[in-house]
Amino acid sequence: MHIFSKFSLSLIAASTLILSGCQQYTQPQTPNVAQIPEAAKNFNLQGKIGVRTPGQSGSAFFTWVQQQDEFDIELSGILGVGKTQISGQPGNVTLNSAKTGLIQADTPEELLQRATGWQAPITHLVDWVQAKPATTQAKISKDEQNRPIQFLEDGWTVDLSYNEQAQLPNKLILKQLLESGQENRITMLIQNR
């Protein structure tokens, strides 16, 4: 049971941090934030996220509310078990759950590193869930409808899937190839926007 609790904590922390950090932008790498319509930085998503690393895997349900540079994410298991709350604004990101108590960091990436020991460009998720690259260095592949279907960015491959004619993705698969030949994989299924 102790191993399961430790695994669950790692999954929740990774999922939480991946979702929570997405709102911050690194000015030199990102497009001019002033050019992004204000409405694009405000959204409400619900769905399921799965994380798989060489050592573990798991999933959680999420609700993510983004208001400009502030966010609130709630993660939970089946029937709301294991609820975790992640909140953030520039310079202050917190994770709070019954298992971990309160954890604070300056950035989502720092919070992920503290909680799980691995790194991911989680601040990019705000753009990726909106079918936009997060940096000007991204390599982009598009489908016949001119929708992005893959980003190669900051060491990650992000595959986007769409429902029929939708312009925003309903599924994202993020993959990071490791030196061992294995990979870290995050699957995000968006059920409601």
Protein backbone atom coordinates (compact mmCIF):
# COMPACT_ATOMS: atom_id res chain seq x y z
CA MET A 1 0.00 0.00 0.00
CA HIS A 2 2.92 2.35 0.76
CA ILE A 3 4.30 1.86 -2.77
CA PHE A 4 0.88 2.65 -4.27
CA SER A 5 0.62 5.81 -2.15
CA LYS A 6 4.06 6.95 -3.26
CA PHE A 7 3.21 6.21 -6.89
CA SER A 8 -0.13 8.02 -6.60
CA LEU A 9 1.60 11.03 -5.08
CA SER A 10 4.14 11.14 -7.93
CA LEU A 11 1.39 10.86 -10.56
CA ILE A 12 -0.73 13.55 -8.97
CA ALA A 13 2.25 15.85 -8.54
CA ALA A 14 3.40 15.35 -12.14
CA SER A 15 -0.11 15.78 -13.54
CA THR A 16 -0.76 18.78 -11.37
CA LEU A 17 2.45 20.49 -12.22
CA ILE A 18 2.13 19.79 -15.89
CA LEU A 19 -1.27 21.40 -15.93
CA SER A 20 -0.53 24.16 -13.47
CA GLY A 21 2.54 25.69 -14.94
CA CYS A 22 1.23 26.34 -18.35
CA GLN A 23 0.37 29.98 -17.94
CA GLN A 24 3.79 31.52 -17.63
CA TYR A 25 5.74 32.74 -20.64
CA THR A 26 9.47 33.13 -21.14
CA GLN A 27 9.66 36.41 -23.01
CA PRO A 28 12.70 35.68 -25.23
CA GLN A 29 11.30 32.37 -26.50
CA THR A 30 7.63 33.14 -26.92
CA PRO A 31 5.74 35.16 -29.45
CA ASN A 32 4.79 38.65 -28.34
CA VAL A 33 2.13 38.14 -25.65
CA ALA A 34 0.52 41.44 -26.65
CA GLN A 35 -0.36 39.86 -30.02
CA ILE A 36 -2.28 37.00 -28.38
CA PRO A 37 -5.98 37.86 -28.09
CA GLU A 38 -7.05 38.29 -24.48
CA ALA A 39 -9.76 35.64 -24.85
CA ALA A 40 -7.13 33.09 -25.88
CA LYS A 41 -5.55 33.30 -22.44
CA ASN A 42 -8.88 32.59 -20.73
CA PHE A 43 -10.31 29.07 -20.84
CA ASN A 44 -11.90 26.29 -18.86
CA LEU A 45 -10.99 22.66 -19.61
CA GLN A 46 -12.13 19.35 -18.17
CA GLY A 47 -10.79 15.92 -18.96
CA LYS A 48 -8.36 13.20 -18.04
CA ILE A 49 -4.57 13.15 -17.93
CA GLY A 50 -2.26 10.17 -17.91
CA VAL A 51 1.45 10.15 -17.14
CA ARG A 52 3.82 7.31 -18.01
CA THR A 53 7.52 7.28 -17.21
CA PRO A 54 9.93 4.32 -17.33
CA GLY A 55 9.28 3.72 -13.64
CA GLN A 56 5.55 4.34 -13.22
CA SER A 57 2.22 5.29 -14.75
CA GLY A 58 -1.18 6.56 -13.69
CA SER A 59 -4.04 8.90 -14.48
CA ALA A 60 -6.32 11.54 -12.95
CA PHE A 61 -9.32 13.66 -13.89
CA PHE A 62 -8.73 17.40 -14.14
CA THR A 63 -10.54 20.72 -14.21
CA TRP A 64 -8.35 23.61 -15.37
CA VAL A 65 -9.46 27.26 -15.23
CA GLN A 66 -7.06 29.76 -16.85
CA GLN A 67 -7.61 33.52 -16.46
CA GLN A 68 -4.77 35.39 -18.16
CA ASP A 69 -1.64 34.51 -16.13
CA GLU A 70 -3.53 32.97 -13.20
CA PHE A 71 -4.80 29.41 -13.04
CA ASP A 72 -6.60 26.96 -10.80
CA ILE A 73 -6.40 23.21 -11.41
CA GLU A 74 -8.15 20.46 -9.53
CA LEU A 75 -7.01 16.86 -9.94
CA SER A 76 -8.83 13.84 -8.60
CA GLY A 77 -9.15 10.11 -9.01
CA ILE A 78 -12.36 8.16 -9.56
CA LEU A 79 -15.27 9.60 -7.53
CA GLY A 80 -13.13 12.56 -6.43
CA VAL A 81 -10.70 10.43 -4.41
CA GLY A 82 -7.25 11.93 -3.82
CA LYS A 83 -8.18 15.53 -4.60
CA THR A 84 -5.27 17.89 -5.29
CA GLN A 85 -5.51 21.63 -5.80
CA ILE A 86 -2.92 23.55 -7.82
CA SER A 87 -3.05 27.32 -8.12
CA GLY A 88 -0.73 29.86 -9.56
CA GLN A 89 0.09 33.33 -10.67
CA PRO A 90 3.41 34.68 -11.92
CA GLY A 91 6.07 34.04 -9.27
CA ASN A 92 3.90 31.85 -6.99
CA VAL A 93 2.68 28.33 -7.71
CA THR A 94 1.17 26.09 -5.00
CA LEU A 95 0.13 22.46 -4.77
CA ASN A 96 -2.06 21.34 -1.89
CA SER A 97 -3.30 17.84 -1.12
CA ALA A 98 -4.02 15.74 1.95
CA LYS A 99 -0.99 13.54 1.16
CA THR A 100 1.60 16.26 0.55
CA GLY A 101 0.30 19.27 2.38
CA LEU A 102 1.23 22.60 0.83
CA ILE A 103 4.17 22.85 -1.61
CA GLN A 104 5.18 26.23 -3.06
CA ALA A 105 7.53 27.27 -5.87
CA ASP A 106 8.24 30.24 -8.09
CA THR A 107 7.44 28.41 -11.36
CA PRO A 108 5.51 25.31 -12.42
CA GLU A 109 8.74 23.74 -13.68
CA GLU A 110 10.37 24.22 -10.27
CA LEU A 111 7.32 22.71 -8.57
CA LEU A 112 7.43 19.69 -10.90
CA GLN A 113 11.15 19.23 -10.22
CA ARG A 114 10.59 19.35 -6.45
CA ALA A 115 7.63 16.99 -6.49
CA THR A 116 8.79 14.41 -9.04
CA GLY A 117 12.45 14.96 -9.83
CA TRP A 118 11.90 15.41 -13.57
CA GLN A 119 11.65 18.40 -15.84
CA ALA A 120 9.16 19.37 -18.54
CA PRO A 121 8.33 22.67 -20.30
CA ILE A 122 4.91 22.74 -18.69
CA THR A 123 4.42 26.46 -19.18
CA HIS A 124 3.99 25.64 -22.89
CA LEU A 125 0.72 23.76 -22.27
CA VAL A 126 -1.37 26.95 -22.33
CA ASP A 127 -0.39 27.34 -25.98
CA TRP A 128 -0.39 23.66 -26.92
CA VAL A 129 -4.00 23.06 -25.74
CA GLN A 130 -4.95 25.95 -28.04
CA ALA A 131 -3.13 24.41 -31.03
CA LYS A 132 -0.39 27.05 -30.97
CA PRO A 133 3.37 26.67 -30.67
CA ALA A 134 4.83 28.09 -27.47
CA THR A 135 8.06 29.38 -29.00
CA THR A 136 9.26 30.75 -32.30
CA GLN A 137 11.70 27.81 -32.59
CA ALA A 138 8.94 25.16 -32.79
CA LYS A 139 8.78 22.90 -35.83
CA ILE A 140 5.15 22.52 -36.86
CA SER A 141 3.38 19.88 -38.98
CA LYS A 142 -0.16 20.58 -40.21
CA ASP A 143 -3.02 18.55 -41.63
CA GLU A 144 -4.95 19.21 -44.86
CA GLN A 145 -7.19 21.67 -42.97
CA ASN A 146 -4.11 23.68 -41.92
CA ARG A 147 -4.48 22.64 -38.26
CA PRO A 148 -1.30 21.89 -36.32
CA ILE A 149 -0.98 18.15 -35.73
CA GLN A 150 2.54 18.08 -34.30
CA PHE A 151 4.96 20.41 -32.54
CA LEU A 152 8.63 19.58 -32.03
CA GLU A 153 9.60 21.96 -29.26
CA ASP A 154 12.09 22.10 -26.36
CA GLY A 155 12.91 18.39 -26.58
CA TRP A 156 9.27 17.27 -26.70
CA THR A 157 7.10 15.91 -29.48
CA VAL A 158 3.49 17.03 -29.10
CA ASP A 159 0.88 15.20 -31.20
CA LEU A 160 -2.53 16.87 -31.46
CA SER A 161 -5.80 15.15 -32.44
CA TYR A 162 -9.11 16.78 -33.34
CA ASN A 163 -12.79 15.82 -33.39
CA GLU A 164 -14.01 16.14 -36.99
CA GLN A 165 -13.92 19.84 -38.02
CA ALA A 166 -12.94 21.25 -34.61
CA GLN A 167 -10.21 23.88 -34.62
CA LEU A 168 -8.95 23.07 -31.12
CA PRO A 169 -7.53 19.67 -30.15
CA ASN A 170 -9.37 17.19 -27.97
CA LYS A 171 -6.27 15.06 -27.35
CA LEU A 172 -2.59 15.83 -26.87
CA ILE A 173 0.21 13.30 -26.49
CA LEU A 174 3.49 14.74 -25.24
CA LYS A 175 6.58 12.56 -25.61
CA GLN A 176 10.13 13.10 -24.38
CA LEU A 177 12.77 10.65 -25.56
CA LEU A 178 15.25 9.78 -22.82
CA GLU A 179 18.94 8.92 -23.22
CA SER A 180 18.10 5.31 -22.27
CA GLY A 181 15.87 5.04 -25.35
CA GLN A 182 12.75 5.02 -23.16
CA GLU A 183 10.35 7.94 -22.94
CA ASN A 184 8.25 10.09 -20.66
CA ARG A 185 4.71 10.33 -22.04
CA ILE A 186 1.80 12.54 -21.04
CA THR A 187 -1.63 11.94 -22.58
CA MET A 188 -4.22 14.66 -22.15
CA LEU A 189 -7.83 14.04 -23.19
CA ILE A 190 -9.98 17.18 -23.22
CA GLN A 191 -13.64 16.26 -22.78
CA ASN A 192 -15.13 19.74 -22.27
CA ARG A 193 -14.00 23.24 -23.22
